[in-house]
Protein backbone atom coordinates (compact mmCIF):
# COMPACT_ATOMS: atom_id res chain seq x y z
CA UNK A 1 139.32 90.05 80.16
CA UNK A 2 140.79 93.16 78.60
CA UNK A 3 143.18 94.98 80.94
CA UNK A 4 141.90 98.38 79.82
CA UNK A 5 138.27 97.57 80.64
CA UNK A 6 139.32 96.22 84.06
CA UNK A 7 141.32 99.37 84.78
CA UNK A 8 138.46 101.52 83.53
CA UNK A 9 135.98 99.69 85.78
CA UNK A 10 138.21 100.15 88.83
CA UNK A 11 138.75 103.84 88.08
CA UNK A 12 135.02 104.31 87.54
CA UNK A 13 134.26 102.59 90.85
CA UNK A 14 136.86 104.72 92.66
CA UNK A 15 135.38 107.89 91.12
CA UNK A 16 131.82 106.90 92.08
CA UNK A 17 132.89 106.05 95.64
CA UNK A 18 134.79 109.33 96.00
CA UNK A 19 131.72 111.21 94.78
CA UNK A 20 129.53 109.29 97.23
CA UNK A 21 131.88 110.19 100.08
CA UNK A 22 131.55 113.87 99.16
CA UNK A 23 127.76 113.44 98.97
CA UNK A 24 127.77 111.80 102.40
CA UNK A 25 129.84 114.64 103.87
CA UNK A 26 127.47 117.19 102.34
CA UNK A 27 124.48 115.27 103.76
CA UNK A 28 126.06 115.31 107.23
CA UNK A 29 126.83 119.03 106.86
CA UNK A 30 123.28 120.08 106.05
CA UNK A 31 121.78 117.79 108.69
CA UNK A 32 124.09 119.11 111.42
CA UNK A 33 123.21 122.66 110.37
CA UNK A 34 119.52 121.80 110.57
CA UNK A 35 119.98 120.23 114.02
CA UNK A 36 121.85 123.35 115.21
CA UNK A 37 119.10 125.65 113.90
CA UNK A 38 116.45 123.43 115.46
CA UNK A 39 118.21 123.52 118.83
CA UNK A 40 118.85 127.27 118.82
CA UNK A 41 115.36 128.31 117.69
CA UNK A 42 113.33 125.58 119.34
CA UNK A 43 111.44 124.98 116.06
CA UNK A 44 111.30 121.59 114.38
CA UNK A 45 113.44 121.89 111.23
CA UNK A 46 113.33 119.36 108.39
CA UNK A 47 115.91 118.68 105.71
CA UNK A 48 114.71 118.58 102.11
CA UNK A 49 116.35 117.90 98.79
CA UNK A 50 113.35 118.91 96.71
CA UNK A 51 112.13 115.31 96.31
CA UNK A 52 111.89 114.15 99.91
CA UNK A 53 111.84 115.63 103.38
CA UNK A 54 113.51 114.00 106.37
CA UNK A 55 114.40 114.73 109.93
CA UNK A 56 117.98 115.98 110.35
CA UNK A 57 118.91 113.04 112.56
CA UNK A 58 117.80 110.50 109.94
CA UNK A 59 119.59 112.45 107.22
CA UNK A 60 122.76 112.55 109.37
CA UNK A 61 122.75 108.76 109.73
CA UNK A 62 122.10 108.26 106.01
CA UNK A 63 125.20 110.37 105.34
CA UNK A 64 127.22 108.23 107.74
CA UNK A 65 126.06 105.04 106.02
CA UNK A 66 126.92 106.43 102.58
CA UNK A 67 130.45 107.31 103.75
CA UNK A 68 130.98 103.96 105.48
CA UNK A 69 129.90 101.92 102.45
CA UNK A 70 131.96 103.99 100.01
CA UNK A 71 135.04 103.93 102.23
CA UNK A 72 134.68 100.15 102.61
CA UNK A 73 134.61 99.69 98.83
CA UNK A 74 137.65 101.96 98.39
CA UNK A 75 139.54 100.07 101.12
CA UNK A 76 138.66 96.74 99.51
CA UNK A 77 140.02 97.94 96.16
CA UNK A 78 143.21 99.19 97.81
CA UNK A 79 143.74 95.94 99.73
CA UNK A 80 143.04 93.84 96.64
CA UNK A 81 145.51 95.80 94.52
CA UNK A 82 148.15 95.68 97.27
CA UNK A 83 147.83 91.93 97.71
CA UNK A 84 147.83 91.36 93.96
CA UNK A 85 150.99 93.42 93.63
CA UNK A 86 152.61 91.63 96.59
CA UNK A 87 151.74 88.20 95.19
CA UNK A 88 153.09 89.16 91.78
CA UNK A 89 156.37 90.39 93.27
CA UNK A 90 156.66 87.32 95.50
CA UNK A 91 156.08 84.96 92.58
CA UNK A 92 158.63 86.81 90.47
CA UNK A 93 161.19 86.56 93.28
CA UNK A 94 160.52 82.83 93.70
CA UNK A 95 160.94 82.28 89.97
CA UNK A 96 164.21 84.23 89.99
CA UNK A 97 165.43 82.16 92.96
CA UNK A 98 164.56 78.90 91.20
CA UNK A 99 166.34 80.03 88.04
CA UNK A 100 169.39 81.06 90.12
CA UNK A 101 169.47 77.71 91.94
CA UNK A 102 169.14 75.82 88.65
CA UNK A 103 172.06 77.83 87.29
CA UNK A 104 174.12 77.01 90.38
CA UNK A 105 173.21 73.34 90.27
CA UNK A 106 174.35 73.22 86.65
CA UNK A 107 177.70 74.76 87.57
CA UNK A 108 178.40 72.91 90.83
CA UNK A 109 177.75 69.51 92.29
CA UNK A 110 175.28 70.44 95.04
CA UNK A 111 175.67 67.12 96.90
CA UNK A 112 179.39 67.67 97.16
CA UNK A 113 178.85 71.18 98.53
CA UNK A 114 176.32 69.91 101.09
CA UNK A 115 178.76 67.23 102.24
CA UNK A 116 181.54 69.80 102.60
CA UNK A 117 179.25 72.01 104.69
CA UNK A 118 178.26 69.06 106.90
CA UNK A 119 181.91 68.09 107.40
CA UNK A 120 182.83 71.66 108.28
CA UNK A 121 179.98 71.85 110.81
CA UNK A 122 181.11 68.57 112.40
CA UNK A 123 184.69 69.81 112.58
CA UNK A 124 183.60 73.05 114.26
CA UNK A 125 181.39 71.14 116.70
CA UNK A 126 184.31 68.88 117.69
CA UNK A 127 186.53 71.94 118.11
CA UNK A 128 183.85 73.63 120.24
CA UNK A 129 183.32 70.53 122.40
CA UNK A 130 187.02 70.12 123.12
């Protein structure tokens, strides 16, 4: 898959979700205004967009759902990118460590070093026990 199309798709999805969050906030704003007018005047007020008419309470909850879904998608993208970046860095560090250990093992006899460390630990343990 082309990296530019993947990046474009993610940016498009982030833009759409951000727009939906703004739409959800606007929906909540007009529905809360309608509920306040309805409460202060005692008249039943409806919210309309020109195509449909709804009660302010229903419109308020639709706005909440729009925001929740969009925020969930944005959070999923952020978590995915963070984990992908973390995994990439971790793998790079592991590869560097393996290359470093291979370089060391080429330069030194690792078994001899391990034996020296074991002998030193035994010597210190005897010294500590006495």
